[in-house]
Each structure stands twice: as C-alpha cells, then as structure tokens.
Amino acid sequence: MAKVWVFAEVTPEGDVDPSALEILTKARSVGDAEAVALGPGATAAAPKLGEFGATKVYASDDEVFSDYVAQPAAHALHELIQQNSPDLVMFATNYDSRDIAARVSAKTGATLMSNVMDLSSVDRAQTAIFGGSTIVDVDLEGSPKLVLVRPKSFAAEASGGTAEVESVDVQIPDDLKKAKRVERHEEQASGPKLDQAPVVISGGRGLQEPSNFELLDQLAAALGNAAVGATRAVVDAGWVPYAFQVGQTGVTVKPGVYLAFGISGATQHIVGMKGAKKIIAVNKDEEAPIFQLADLGVVGDALKILPQLIDEVKSRKGS
C-alpha cells in the first residue's frame, strides 16, 4: 500500500491545525497515512493525529522549528523523506506549510502541485482552472509526489485510531537558522474563525466605504456564531485586513449560510465561497453574477437593508 504523509502544523499546546485533520481524512483513503509534526506540541498532538487516521507520527518538540522560519523544518522533512521514502507528501495551503513545501520541492527535485481539491490515488489529483470554472485531473509524477491541498476540500472525520510516535532526531545546521521569529501577536477575536463559522457575512465595494463594515459586525453580533468576510477588492483598498479575504487568494469557506452584501460575484471570490450550503446575496445591480449562484437574491441597497435586518434579528431574539 502507498505511504502517504501529511505535514501537520501544531501549536505549543498540542493543538492540530484543522486543515491537517481534513487532509488526514483523505490520506487514509488513498494509502497508509502517516503524519510529520515539528515544533513544541508535536508529541502532544500525536493522539489527535492518530484519531484522524495517522498510523505513525514523526514528531520533534525542538523549539528550533518554531523559532526559525521554514528552513529547519524543510531540512528535517527532507532528511525524513530520504530515510523513509513516502510516495506522497500532502501539505495544507497555510503560510508556513507553503514555504516548507516549496523548499522540500527544491531539495528533492520533486514537482509540487498546488491548489489540489481532490485525490483519486497517489498518482492523480484534481484541481480547478480558469478561475474555478473548470475541473481537471492531473497525473502526478516523480518521487515523492508533493501536493498543497486547498482548505475545506475534505471534511475532517475521525477514524478512532491510534498512532505510533517516532521521535525525530535531525541536527539543524547553523546556516539554516537565518530568519528568526522575534515576536508573535495573536489577534483577539470575539467570534468564530472565518473558515470555521457556520454563518459568514461578507461585504464588497457595494458598501461604499470602510466604516460601513461596522454594519456587518453588528449583524454578526446579533446573529451570534457568525464571522465577517470581505472581497479582495476591499482588502486591496485597505478597508479591512487580509485575514478577512474570502476567495481564491484568501480563505475558503463552506458555511451553512453565506450572506453577500454589495458583492458583484467576481470569479476569484466565488471560488472561495461557492461551497456554502445556502447563499443569500444583496446587490443593487440585478445583473450581478452573484445572483446566478444565490439561493436567495435581493435587488436593493445593502446600506438600507442591513440596518433593517439587524433590527429584525434583534427583535426576534428579544434583545
């Protein structure tokens, strides 16, 4: 059976990045799934990784992997690949994982495929082209095969298994300790993360100015358990931080309900939210492409509708 590795990002507390659990769920269906976790919390994360399908976890709690960016992890992973010869290595499309995957590709000479949406085997992957309008199958060649998986491509499902833990003992040369993290800042959030929220409320240029995003915050607070997103256009304009961006070059979301206010429906944005179970769109332009995708479309001014919607939600909740 093919040996499939999943590179799993972990926190010092032993929490596993949700994307790794999604990928493990798929990995165990195409081969013998194993995981690699590097940095403080790696050993503590092993039970969770085993629960989602990893039969073995290569783990190191060495702080060098959290103190220095990408190079130590890429070096260690390359050494492990040479020693164990996995057929396929899967990475989440996260900042650190993308950096590490690219460096491993350079070290191994193996081709790295990005934006993978599905796998039928270790030799064939699926992705979207032309802005997500066309799905294509891609033959994977070389050894090992390396892929970056698009978030939310698979649903994370526990298998109830356990994992053997193998300690990673790789010496990191000093010349690979270059880019050092000197400070960490964690943004305080009052609600769920954008990619995990059951309800996502997004705004586009139709909101006219940055201050009007406060209306989305008010609606999210009134609904509860909702997160606020945005289009690339308003992020590029500096209205909201990049972390809000939903789309091909931002966050992929698959909420139960997606509310789009003042969003025309550019392909780049659609790719990141079309997996929502229900899509509700409000736009003044009745010809806006977003209406072709929406389950419910309202032709109107988002800035007039939002205050009324907020009041209605509050009244129904008795607040």
C-alpha atoms as a PDB file:
ATOM      1  CA  MET A   1       0.000   0.000   0.000  1.00  0.00           C
ATOM      2  CA  ALA A   2       1.239   3.507  -0.809  1.00  0.00           C
ATOM      3  CA  LYS A   3       2.732   5.508   2.038  1.00  0.00           C
ATOM      4  CA  VAL A   4       1.074   8.915   2.329  1.00  0.00           C
ATOM      5  CA  TRP A   5       2.466  11.596   4.619  1.00  0.00           C
ATOM      6  CA  VAL A   6       0.668  14.653   5.957  1.00  0.00           C
ATOM      7  CA  PHE A   7       2.693  17.588   7.234  1.00  0.00           C
ATOM      8  CA  ALA A   8       0.762  18.802  10.283  1.00  0.00           C
ATOM      9  CA  GLU A   9       1.186  22.243  11.825  1.00  0.00           C
ATOM     10  CA  VAL A  10       0.773  22.213  15.614  1.00  0.00           C
ATOM     11  CA  THR A  11       0.688  24.695  18.490  1.00  0.00           C
ATOM     12  CA  PRO A  12       2.837  24.503  21.651  1.00  0.00           C
ATOM     13  CA  GLU A  13      -0.299  23.317  23.465  1.00  0.00           C
ATOM     14  CA  GLY A  14      -0.570  20.309  21.156  1.00  0.00           C
ATOM     15  CA  ASP A  15      -3.488  21.595  19.116  1.00  0.00           C
ATOM     16  CA  VAL A  16      -3.520  20.483  15.485  1.00  0.00           C
ATOM     17  CA  ASP A  17      -4.292  22.798  12.590  1.00  0.00           C
ATOM     18  CA  PRO A  18      -7.786  21.792  11.349  1.00  0.00           C
ATOM     19  CA  SER A  19      -6.516  21.534   7.760  1.00  0.00           C
ATOM     20  CA  ALA A  20      -4.199  18.683   8.760  1.00  0.00           C
ATOM     21  CA  LEU A  21      -7.171  16.692  10.061  1.00  0.00           C
ATOM     22  CA  GLU A  22      -9.049  17.309   6.807  1.00  0.00           C
ATOM     23  CA  ILE A  23      -6.071  16.082   4.788  1.00  0.00           C
ATOM     24  CA  LEU A  24      -5.520  13.032   7.005  1.00  0.00           C
ATOM     25  CA  THR A  25      -9.126  12.017   6.398  1.00  0.00           C
ATOM     26  CA  LYS A  26      -8.414  11.914   2.676  1.00  0.00           C
ATOM     27  CA  ALA A  27      -4.911  10.470   3.013  1.00  0.00           C
ATOM     28  CA  ARG A  28      -6.121   7.331   4.750  1.00  0.00           C
ATOM     29  CA  SER A  29      -8.451   6.601   1.813  1.00  0.00           C
ATOM     30  CA  VAL A  30      -5.612   6.537  -0.748  1.00  0.00           C
ATOM     31  CA  GLY A  31      -2.839   4.888   1.275  1.00  0.00           C
ATOM     32  CA  ASP A  32      -1.245   4.211   4.637  1.00  0.00           C
ATOM     33  CA  ALA A  33      -1.468   7.627   6.309  1.00  0.00           C
ATOM     34  CA  GLU A  34       1.349   8.941   8.496  1.00  0.00           C
ATOM     35  CA  ALA A  35       1.997  12.436   9.828  1.00  0.00           C
ATOM     36  CA  VAL A  36       5.010  14.661  10.448  1.00  0.00           C
ATOM     37  CA  ALA A  37       4.748  17.243  13.242  1.00  0.00           C
ATOM     38  CA  LEU A  38       7.658  19.530  14.105  1.00  0.00           C
ATOM     39  CA  GLY A  39       7.984  22.024  16.939  1.00  0.00           C
ATOM     40  CA  PRO A  40       6.734  22.407  20.521  1.00  0.00           C
ATOM     41  CA  GLY A  41       3.493  20.473  20.983  1.00  0.00           C
ATOM     42  CA  ALA A  42       4.272  17.881  18.307  1.00  0.00           C
ATOM     43  CA  THR A  43       4.329  14.862  20.629  1.00  0.00           C
ATOM     44  CA  ALA A  44       1.218  16.044  22.462  1.00  0.00           C
ATOM     45  CA  ALA A  45      -0.583  16.317  19.098  1.00  0.00           C
ATOM     46  CA  ALA A  46       0.072  12.662  18.191  1.00  0.00           C
ATOM     47  CA  PRO A  47      -3.121  11.228  19.764  1.00  0.00           C
ATOM     48  CA  LYS A  48      -5.295  13.646  17.802  1.00  0.00           C
ATOM     49  CA  LEU A  49      -3.437  12.848  14.572  1.00  0.00           C
ATOM     50  CA  GLY A  50      -3.890   9.159  15.272  1.00  0.00           C
ATOM     51  CA  GLU A  51      -7.585   9.674  15.911  1.00  0.00           C
ATOM     52  CA  PHE A  52      -7.946  11.059  12.385  1.00  0.00           C
ATOM     53  CA  GLY A  53      -6.034   8.319  10.613  1.00  0.00           C
ATOM     54  CA  ALA A  54      -2.276   8.619  11.131  1.00  0.00           C
ATOM     55  CA  THR A  55      -0.787   5.210  11.923  1.00  0.00           C
ATOM     56  CA  LYS A  56       2.561   6.809  12.775  1.00  0.00           C
ATOM     57  CA  VAL A  57       3.620  10.323  13.753  1.00  0.00           C
ATOM     58  CA  TYR A  58       7.182  11.528  13.239  1.00  0.00           C
ATOM     59  CA  ALA A  59       7.471  14.133  15.979  1.00  0.00           C
ATOM     60  CA  SER A  60      10.004  16.592  17.365  1.00  0.00           C
ATOM     61  CA  ASP A  61       9.300  19.144  20.099  1.00  0.00           C
ATOM     62  CA  ASP A  62      12.525  21.032  19.357  1.00  0.00           C
ATOM     63  CA  GLU A  63      11.965  24.794  19.561  1.00  0.00           C
ATOM     64  CA  VAL A  64      14.230  25.326  16.567  1.00  0.00           C
ATOM     65  CA  PHE A  65      11.218  24.569  14.349  1.00  0.00           C
ATOM     66  CA  SER A  66       9.119  27.327  15.902  1.00  0.00           C
ATOM     67  CA  ASP A  67      11.934  29.825  16.451  1.00  0.00           C
ATOM     68  CA  TYR A  68      13.176  29.831  12.854  1.00  0.00           C
ATOM     69  CA  VAL A  69      11.105  30.148   9.689  1.00  0.00           C
ATOM     70  CA  ALA A  70      10.785  27.233   7.230  1.00  0.00           C
ATOM     71  CA  GLN A  71      14.429  26.246   6.712  1.00  0.00           C
ATOM     72  CA  PRO A  72      14.864  23.919   9.721  1.00  0.00           C
ATOM     73  CA  ALA A  73      11.532  22.187   9.061  1.00  0.00           C
ATOM     74  CA  ALA A  74      12.298  21.766   5.352  1.00  0.00           C
ATOM     75  CA  HIS A  75      15.719  20.304   6.192  1.00  0.00           C
ATOM     76  CA  ALA A  76      14.266  17.839   8.706  1.00  0.00           C
ATOM     77  CA  LEU A  77      11.445  16.811   6.393  1.00  0.00           C
ATOM     78  CA  HIS A  78      13.897  16.254   3.553  1.00  0.00           C
ATOM     79  CA  GLU A  79      16.009  14.013   5.802  1.00  0.00           C
ATOM     80  CA  LEU A  80      12.920  12.037   6.821  1.00  0.00           C
ATOM     81  CA  ILE A  81      11.862  11.609   3.198  1.00  0.00           C
ATOM     82  CA  GLN A  82      15.282  10.242   2.282  1.00  0.00           C
ATOM     83  CA  GLN A  83      15.155   7.781   5.176  1.00  0.00           C
ATOM     84  CA  ASN A  84      11.547   6.575   4.764  1.00  0.00           C
ATOM     85  CA  SER A  85      10.639   7.099   1.074  1.00  0.00           C
ATOM     86  CA  PRO A  86       6.967   8.153   1.251  1.00  0.00           C
ATOM     87  CA  ASP A  87       5.080   8.019  -2.041  1.00  0.00           C
ATOM     88  CA  LEU A  88       3.149  11.227  -1.448  1.00  0.00           C
ATOM     89  CA  VAL A  89       3.531  14.182   0.931  1.00  0.00           C
ATOM     90  CA  MET A  90       0.488  16.394   1.482  1.00  0.00           C
ATOM     91  CA  PHE A  91       0.614  19.938   2.856  1.00  0.00           C
ATOM     92  CA  ALA A  92      -2.121  22.383   3.846  1.00  0.00           C
ATOM     93  CA  THR A  93      -2.168  25.678   1.995  1.00  0.00           C
ATOM     94  CA  ASN A  94      -1.044  27.636   5.051  1.00  0.00           C
ATOM     95  CA  TYR A  95       1.701  30.265   5.188  1.00  0.00           C
ATOM     96  CA  ASP A  96       4.349  28.088   6.845  1.00  0.00           C
ATOM     97  CA  SER A  97       3.400  24.877   5.046  1.00  0.00           C
ATOM     98  CA  ARG A  98       3.581  26.552   1.628  1.00  0.00           C
ATOM     99  CA  ASP A  99       7.056  27.845   2.407  1.00  0.00           C
ATOM    100  CA  ILE A 100       8.238  24.461   3.669  1.00  0.00           C
ATOM    101  CA  ALA A 101       6.688  22.563   0.744  1.00  0.00           C
ATOM    102  CA  ALA A 102       8.439  24.778  -1.801  1.00  0.00           C
ATOM    103  CA  ARG A 103      11.796  24.267  -0.094  1.00  0.00           C
ATOM    104  CA  VAL A 104      11.277  20.494   0.070  1.00  0.00           C
ATOM    105  CA  SER A 105      10.451  20.528  -3.639  1.00  0.00           C
ATOM    106  CA  ALA A 106      13.752  22.271  -4.351  1.00  0.00           C
ATOM    107  CA  LYS A 107      15.711  19.859  -2.133  1.00  0.00           C
ATOM    108  CA  THR A 108      14.163  16.700  -3.581  1.00  0.00           C
ATOM    109  CA  GLY A 109      13.775  17.865  -7.162  1.00  0.00           C
ATOM    110  CA  ALA A 110      10.156  16.699  -6.970  1.00  0.00           C
ATOM    111  CA  THR A 111       7.342  18.616  -8.635  1.00  0.00           C
ATOM    112  CA  LEU A 112       4.988  20.425  -6.271  1.00  0.00           C
ATOM    113  CA  MET A 113       1.331  20.728  -7.288  1.00  0.00           C
ATOM    114  CA  SER A 114      -0.743  23.428  -5.621  1.00  0.00           C
ATOM    115  CA  ASN A 115      -4.470  24.065  -5.225  1.00  0.00           C
ATOM    116  CA  VAL A 116      -5.371  20.369  -5.039  1.00  0.00           C
ATOM    117  CA  MET A 117      -9.088  19.837  -4.459  1.00  0.00           C
ATOM    118  CA  ASP A 118      -9.252  16.041  -4.535  1.00  0.00           C
ATOM    119  CA  LEU A 119      -7.193  12.879  -4.931  1.00  0.00           C
ATOM    120  CA  SER A 120      -8.337   9.653  -6.563  1.00  0.00           C
ATOM    121  CA  SER A 121      -4.988   7.962  -5.860  1.00  0.00           C
ATOM    122  CA  VAL A 122      -1.407   8.871  -5.018  1.00  0.00           C
ATOM    123  CA  ASP A 123      -0.864   9.308  -8.761  1.00  0.00           C
ATOM    124  CA  ARG A 124      -3.795  11.520  -9.699  1.00  0.00           C
ATOM    125  CA  ALA A 125      -5.100  14.790  -8.277  1.00  0.00           C
ATOM    126  CA  GLN A 126      -7.876  17.171  -9.170  1.00  0.00           C
ATOM    127  CA  THR A 127      -7.798  20.956  -9.345  1.00  0.00           C
ATOM    128  CA  ALA A 128      -9.755  23.885 -10.759  1.00  0.00           C
ATOM    129  CA  ILE A 129      -8.579  26.150 -13.579  1.00  0.00           C
ATOM    130  CA  PHE A 130      -9.931  29.263 -15.306  1.00  0.00           C
ATOM    131  CA  GLY A 131     -10.889  30.830 -12.013  1.00  0.00           C
ATOM    132  CA  GLY A 132     -12.582  27.698 -10.739  1.00  0.00           C
ATOM    133  CA  SER A 133     -14.913  27.253 -13.712  1.00  0.00           C
ATOM    134  CA  THR A 134     -13.297  24.040 -14.992  1.00  0.00           C
ATOM    135  CA  ILE A 135     -12.221  20.953 -13.019  1.00  0.00           C
ATOM    136  CA  VAL A 136      -9.274  18.967 -14.386  1.00  0.00           C
ATOM    137  CA  ASP A 137      -7.481  15.741 -13.460  1.00  0.00           C
ATOM    138  CA  VAL A 138      -3.696  15.909 -13.167  1.00  0.00           C
ATOM    139  CA  ASP A 139      -1.282  12.972 -13.300  1.00  0.00           C
ATOM    140  CA  LEU A 140       1.322  13.186 -10.545  1.00  0.00           C
ATOM    141  CA  GLU A 141       4.820  12.041 -11.464  1.00  0.00           C
ATOM    142  CA  GLY A 142       8.176  11.754  -9.755  1.00  0.00           C
ATOM    143  CA  SER A 143       9.064  10.628  -6.257  1.00  0.00           C
ATOM    144  CA  PRO A 144       7.978  11.686  -3.800  1.00  0.00           C
ATOM    145  CA  LYS A 145       4.896  13.430  -5.082  1.00  0.00           C
ATOM    146  CA  LEU A 146       4.214  16.727  -3.291  1.00  0.00           C
ATOM    147  CA  VAL A 147       0.833  18.476  -3.142  1.00  0.00           C
ATOM    148  CA  LEU A 148      -0.625  21.556  -1.481  1.00  0.00           C
ATOM    149  CA  VAL A 149      -4.283  20.988  -0.613  1.00  0.00           C
ATOM    150  CA  ARG A 150      -6.864  23.733  -0.726  1.00  0.00           C
ATOM    151  CA  PRO A 151      -8.582  24.259   2.668  1.00  0.00           C
ATOM    152  CA  LYS A 152     -12.067  22.784   3.115  1.00  0.00           C
ATOM    153  CA  SER A 153     -11.556  20.350   0.243  1.00  0.00           C
ATOM    154  CA  PHE A 154     -12.359  17.456   2.589  1.00  0.00           C
ATOM    155  CA  ALA A 155     -14.467  17.100   5.704  1.00  0.00           C
ATOM    156  CA  ALA A 156     -12.442  16.056   8.751  1.00  0.00           C
ATOM    157  CA  GLU A 157     -13.754  12.730  10.070  1.00  0.00           C
ATOM    158  CA  ALA A 158     -12.225  10.826  12.962  1.00  0.00           C
ATOM    159  CA  SER A 159     -11.425   7.144  12.427  1.00  0.00           C
ATOM    160  CA  GLY A 160     -10.839   6.330  16.090  1.00  0.00           C
ATOM    161  CA  GLY A 161      -7.328   5.035  15.505  1.00  0.00           C
ATOM    162  CA  THR A 162      -4.095   5.498  17.401  1.00  0.00           C
ATOM    163  CA  ALA A 163      -0.634   6.461  16.225  1.00  0.00           C
ATOM    164  CA  GLU A 164       2.813   5.141  16.966  1.00  0.00           C
ATOM    165  CA  VAL A 165       5.159   8.032  17.783  1.00  0.00           C
ATOM    166  CA  GLU A 166       8.649   8.054  16.301  1.00  0.00           C
ATOM    167  CA  SER A 167      10.999  10.696  17.646  1.00  0.00           C
ATOM    168  CA  VAL A 168      12.716  12.849  15.035  1.00  0.00           C
ATOM    169  CA  ASP A 169      16.400  13.418  15.715  1.00  0.00           C
ATOM    170  CA  VAL A 170      17.798  15.652  12.985  1.00  0.00           C
ATOM    171  CA  GLN A 171      20.634  18.095  13.525  1.00  0.00           C
ATOM    172  CA  ILE A 172      19.873  21.528  12.066  1.00  0.00           C
ATOM    173  CA  PRO A 173      22.985  23.296  10.685  1.00  0.00           C
ATOM    174  CA  ASP A 174      23.571  26.844  11.913  1.00  0.00           C
ATOM    175  CA  ASP A 175      23.426  28.210   8.374  1.00  0.00           C
ATOM    176  CA  LEU A 176      19.741  27.228   8.265  1.00  0.00           C
ATOM    177  CA  LYS A 177      18.924  29.317  11.319  1.00  0.00           C
ATOM    178  CA  LYS A 178      18.527  32.598   9.486  1.00  0.00           C
ATOM    179  CA  ALA A 179      15.001  34.006   9.572  1.00  0.00           C
ATOM    180  CA  LYS A 180      14.117  34.069  13.267  1.00  0.00           C
ATOM    181  CA  ARG A 181      10.721  34.851  14.735  1.00  0.00           C
ATOM    182  CA  VAL A 182      11.276  37.604  17.269  1.00  0.00           C
ATOM    183  CA  GLU A 183       7.673  38.321  18.210  1.00  0.00           C
ATOM    184  CA  ARG A 184       4.260  36.695  17.997  1.00  0.00           C
ATOM    185  CA  HIS A 185       0.957  38.517  18.001  1.00  0.00           C
ATOM    186  CA  GLU A 186      -2.403  36.789  18.215  1.00  0.00           C
ATOM    187  CA  GLU A 187      -5.373  38.805  17.050  1.00  0.00           C
ATOM    188  CA  GLN A 188      -8.178  38.762  19.588  1.00  0.00           C
ATOM    189  CA  ALA A 189     -11.455  37.560  18.112  1.00  0.00           C
ATOM    190  CA  SER A 190     -14.915  37.730  19.625  1.00  0.00           C
ATOM    191  CA  GLY A 191     -16.498  35.169  17.330  1.00  0.00           C
ATOM    192  CA  PRO A 192     -15.612  32.014  15.385  1.00  0.00           C
ATOM    193  CA  LYS A 193     -12.766  31.881  12.872  1.00  0.00           C
ATOM    194  CA  LEU A 194     -13.759  32.803   9.350  1.00  0.00           C
ATOM    195  CA  ASP A 195     -13.089  29.349   7.905  1.00  0.00           C
ATOM    196  CA  GLN A 196     -14.966  27.597  10.712  1.00  0.00           C
ATOM    197  CA  ALA A 197     -18.005  29.838  11.153  1.00  0.00           C
ATOM    198  CA  PRO A 198     -21.446  28.342  10.437  1.00  0.00           C
ATOM    199  CA  VAL A 199     -22.556  31.761   9.145  1.00  0.00           C
ATOM    200  CA  VAL A 200     -20.337  34.108   7.126  1.00  0.00           C
ATOM    201  CA  ILE A 201     -21.345  37.700   6.348  1.00  0.00           C
ATOM    202  CA  SER A 202     -19.218  39.294   3.629  1.00  0.00           C
ATOM    203  CA  GLY A 203     -19.058  42.761   2.125  1.00  0.00           C
ATOM    204  CA  GLY A 204     -17.772  44.196  -1.123  1.00  0.00           C
ATOM    205  CA  ARG A 205     -17.392  47.537  -2.868  1.00  0.00           C
ATOM    206  CA  GLY A 206     -21.140  47.998  -2.655  1.00  0.00           C
ATOM    207  CA  LEU A 207     -20.709  49.009   0.996  1.00  0.00           C
ATOM    208  CA  GLN A 208     -19.104  52.191  -0.394  1.00  0.00           C
ATOM    209  CA  GLU A 209     -16.680  52.947   2.441  1.00  0.00           C
ATOM    210  CA  PRO A 210     -14.730  51.135   5.211  1.00  0.00           C
ATOM    211  CA  SER A 211     -16.848  52.453   8.080  1.00  0.00           C
ATOM    212  CA  ASN A 212     -19.900  50.628   6.726  1.00  0.00           C
ATOM    213  CA  PHE A 213     -18.294  47.287   7.571  1.00  0.00           C
ATOM    214  CA  GLU A 214     -19.434  48.086  11.110  1.00  0.00           C
ATOM    215  CA  LEU A 215     -22.914  47.116   9.920  1.00  0.00           C
ATOM    216  CA  LEU A 216     -21.630  43.619   9.131  1.00  0.00           C
ATOM    217  CA  ASP A 217     -20.085  43.423  12.596  1.00  0.00           C
ATOM    218  CA  GLN A 218     -23.408  44.424  14.124  1.00  0.00           C
ATOM    219  CA  LEU A 219     -25.281  41.790  12.121  1.00  0.00           C
ATOM    220  CA  ALA A 220     -22.739  39.121  13.080  1.00  0.00           C
ATOM    221  CA  ALA A 221     -23.103  40.045  16.750  1.00  0.00           C
ATOM    222  CA  ALA A 222     -26.904  39.985  16.503  1.00  0.00           C
ATOM    223  CA  LEU A 223     -26.953  36.582  14.809  1.00  0.00           C
ATOM    224  CA  GLY A 224     -24.254  35.090  17.039  1.00  0.00           C
ATOM    225  CA  ASN A 225     -21.695  32.481  15.974  1.00  0.00           C
ATOM    226  CA  ALA A 226     -21.067  34.361  12.729  1.00  0.00           C
ATOM    227  CA  ALA A 227     -17.904  35.752  11.137  1.00  0.00           C
ATOM    228  CA  VAL A 228     -17.307  38.713   8.820  1.00  0.00           C
ATOM    229  CA  GLY A 229     -15.521  38.355   5.476  1.00  0.00           C
ATOM    230  CA  ALA A 230     -14.698  40.545   2.504  1.00  0.00           C
ATOM    231  CA  THR A 231     -13.800  40.552  -1.159  1.00  0.00           C
ATOM    232  CA  ARG A 232     -10.289  41.016  -2.487  1.00  0.00           C
ATOM    233  CA  ALA A 233     -11.183  44.461  -3.841  1.00  0.00           C
ATOM    234  CA  VAL A 234     -11.935  45.924  -0.418  1.00  0.00           C
ATOM    235  CA  VAL A 235      -8.945  44.174   1.150  1.00  0.00           C
ATOM    236  CA  ASP A 236      -6.661  45.617  -1.535  1.00  0.00           C
ATOM    237  CA  ALA A 237      -8.218  49.016  -0.877  1.00  0.00           C
ATOM    238  CA  GLY A 238      -7.220  48.731   2.783  1.00  0.00           C
ATOM    239  CA  TRP A 239     -10.761  48.703   4.169  1.00  0.00           C
ATOM    240  CA  VAL A 240     -10.219  45.509   6.193  1.00  0.00           C
ATOM    241  CA  PRO A 241      -7.225  43.231   6.945  1.00  0.00           C
ATOM    242  CA  TYR A 242      -6.176  40.430   4.594  1.00  0.00           C
ATOM    243  CA  ALA A 243      -7.421  37.869   7.149  1.00  0.00           C
ATOM    244  CA  PHE A 244     -10.977  38.846   6.114  1.00  0.00           C
ATOM    245  CA  GLN A 245     -10.487  37.972   2.444  1.00  0.00           C
ATOM    246  CA  VAL A 246     -12.665  35.211   1.030  1.00  0.00           C
ATOM    247  CA  GLY A 247     -11.650  33.855  -2.356  1.00  0.00           C
ATOM    248  CA  GLN A 248      -9.078  32.083  -4.468  1.00  0.00           C
ATOM    249  CA  THR A 249      -6.204  34.035  -2.921  1.00  0.00           C
ATOM    250  CA  GLY A 250      -7.817  34.276   0.505  1.00  0.00           C
ATOM    251  CA  VAL A 251      -9.792  31.991   2.789  1.00  0.00           C
ATOM    252  CA  THR A 252     -12.034  29.200   1.533  1.00  0.00           C
ATOM    253  CA  VAL A 253     -15.284  28.961   3.493  1.00  0.00           C
ATOM    254  CA  LYS A 254     -18.101  26.413   3.465  1.00  0.00           C
ATOM    255  CA  PRO A 255     -20.631  27.729   5.988  1.00  0.00           C
ATOM    256  CA  GLY A 256     -24.226  26.730   6.370  1.00  0.00           C
ATOM    257  CA  VAL A 257     -25.244  30.242   5.294  1.00  0.00           C
ATOM    258  CA  TYR A 258     -23.241  32.818   3.325  1.00  0.00           C
ATOM    259  CA  LEU A 259     -24.577  36.374   3.155  1.00  0.00           C
ATOM    260  CA  ALA A 260     -23.065  38.620   0.483  1.00  0.00           C
ATOM    261  CA  PHE A 261     -23.692  42.364   0.720  1.00  0.00           C
ATOM    262  CA  GLY A 262     -22.609  44.613  -2.131  1.00  0.00           C
ATOM    263  CA  ILE A 263     -20.617  41.825  -3.784  1.00  0.00           C
ATOM    264  CA  SER A 264     -20.856  41.547  -7.576  1.00  0.00           C
ATOM    265  CA  GLY A 265     -19.561  37.979  -7.738  1.00  0.00           C
ATOM    266  CA  ALA A 266     -16.138  38.025  -9.392  1.00  0.00           C
ATOM    267  CA  THR A 267     -14.830  34.537 -10.144  1.00  0.00           C
ATOM    268  CA  GLN A 268     -11.922  34.984  -7.714  1.00  0.00           C
ATOM    269  CA  HIS A 269     -14.386  35.481  -4.865  1.00  0.00           C
ATOM    270  CA  ILE A 270     -16.858  32.805  -5.968  1.00  0.00           C
ATOM    271  CA  VAL A 271     -14.169  30.101  -5.820  1.00  0.00           C
ATOM    272  CA  GLY A 272     -13.751  30.704  -2.097  1.00  0.00           C
ATOM    273  CA  MET A 273     -17.423  30.550  -1.057  1.00  0.00           C
ATOM    274  CA  LYS A 274     -19.422  28.557  -3.587  1.00  0.00           C
ATOM    275  CA  GLY A 275     -19.373  25.525  -1.290  1.00  0.00           C
ATOM    276  CA  ALA A 276     -21.744  27.242   1.159  1.00  0.00           C
ATOM    277  CA  LYS A 277     -24.988  25.324   1.706  1.00  0.00           C
ATOM    278  CA  LYS A 278     -27.146  28.449   1.302  1.00  0.00           C
ATOM    279  CA  ILE A 279     -26.109  31.712  -0.369  1.00  0.00           C
ATOM    280  CA  ILE A 280     -28.029  34.955   0.139  1.00  0.00           C
ATOM    281  CA  ALA A 281     -26.990  37.962  -1.942  1.00  0.00           C
ATOM    282  CA  VAL A 282     -27.954  41.645  -1.775  1.00  0.00           C
ATOM    283  CA  ASN A 283     -26.898  43.904  -4.642  1.00  0.00           C
ATOM    284  CA  LYS A 284     -28.320  46.953  -6.417  1.00  0.00           C
ATOM    285  CA  ASP A 285     -27.383  45.531  -9.814  1.00  0.00           C
ATOM    286  CA  GLU A 286     -29.925  42.912 -10.856  1.00  0.00           C
ATOM    287  CA  GLU A 287     -27.412  41.634 -13.436  1.00  0.00           C
ATOM    288  CA  ALA A 288     -24.700  40.959 -10.834  1.00  0.00           C
ATOM    289  CA  PRO A 289     -23.130  37.497 -11.392  1.00  0.00           C
ATOM    290  CA  ILE A 290     -23.578  36.630  -7.698  1.00  0.00           C
ATOM    291  CA  PHE A 291     -27.315  36.185  -8.325  1.00  0.00           C
ATOM    292  CA  GLN A 292     -26.625  33.223 -10.637  1.00  0.00           C
ATOM    293  CA  LEU A 293     -25.199  31.377  -7.655  1.00  0.00           C
ATOM    294  CA  ALA A 294     -27.504  32.654  -4.912  1.00  0.00           C
ATOM    295  CA  ASP A 295     -30.311  30.607  -3.385  1.00  0.00           C
ATOM    296  CA  LEU A 296     -31.969  33.905  -2.471  1.00  0.00           C
ATOM    297  CA  GLY A 297     -31.224  37.184  -4.231  1.00  0.00           C
ATOM    298  CA  VAL A 298     -32.367  40.635  -3.151  1.00  0.00           C
ATOM    299  CA  VAL A 299     -32.056  43.535  -5.568  1.00  0.00           C
ATOM    300  CA  GLY A 300     -31.563  46.543  -3.326  1.00  0.00           C
ATOM    301  CA  ASP A 301     -29.202  48.858  -1.482  1.00  0.00           C
ATOM    302  CA  ALA A 302     -27.235  46.898   1.129  1.00  0.00           C
ATOM    303  CA  LEU A 303     -26.805  50.060   3.223  1.00  0.00           C
ATOM    304  CA  LYS A 304     -30.582  50.430   3.541  1.00  0.00           C
ATOM    305  CA  ILE A 305     -31.309  46.746   4.023  1.00  0.00           C
ATOM    306  CA  LEU A 306     -28.628  45.993   6.632  1.00  0.00           C
ATOM    307  CA  PRO A 307     -29.948  48.297   9.409  1.00  0.00           C
ATOM    308  CA  GLN A 308     -33.452  46.891   8.952  1.00  0.00           C
ATOM    309  CA  LEU A 309     -32.137  43.328   9.006  1.00  0.00           C
ATOM    310  CA  ILE A 310     -30.124  43.998  12.177  1.00  0.00           C
ATOM    311  CA  ASP A 311     -33.207  45.455  13.900  1.00  0.00           C
ATOM    312  CA  GLU A 312     -35.330  42.496  12.796  1.00  0.00           C
ATOM    313  CA  VAL A 313     -32.834  39.922  14.074  1.00  0.00           C
ATOM    314  CA  LYS A 314     -32.550  41.743  17.413  1.00  0.00           C
ATOM    315  CA  SER A 315     -36.321  41.990  17.803  1.00  0.00           C
ATOM    316  CA  ARG A 316     -36.782  38.294  17.109  1.00  0.00           C
ATOM    317  CA  LYS A 317     -34.101  37.439  19.650  1.00  0.00           C
ATOM    318  CA  GLY A 318     -35.659  39.778  22.165  1.00  0.00           C
ATOM    319  CA  SER A 319     -32.563  41.947  22.561  1.00  0.00           C
END
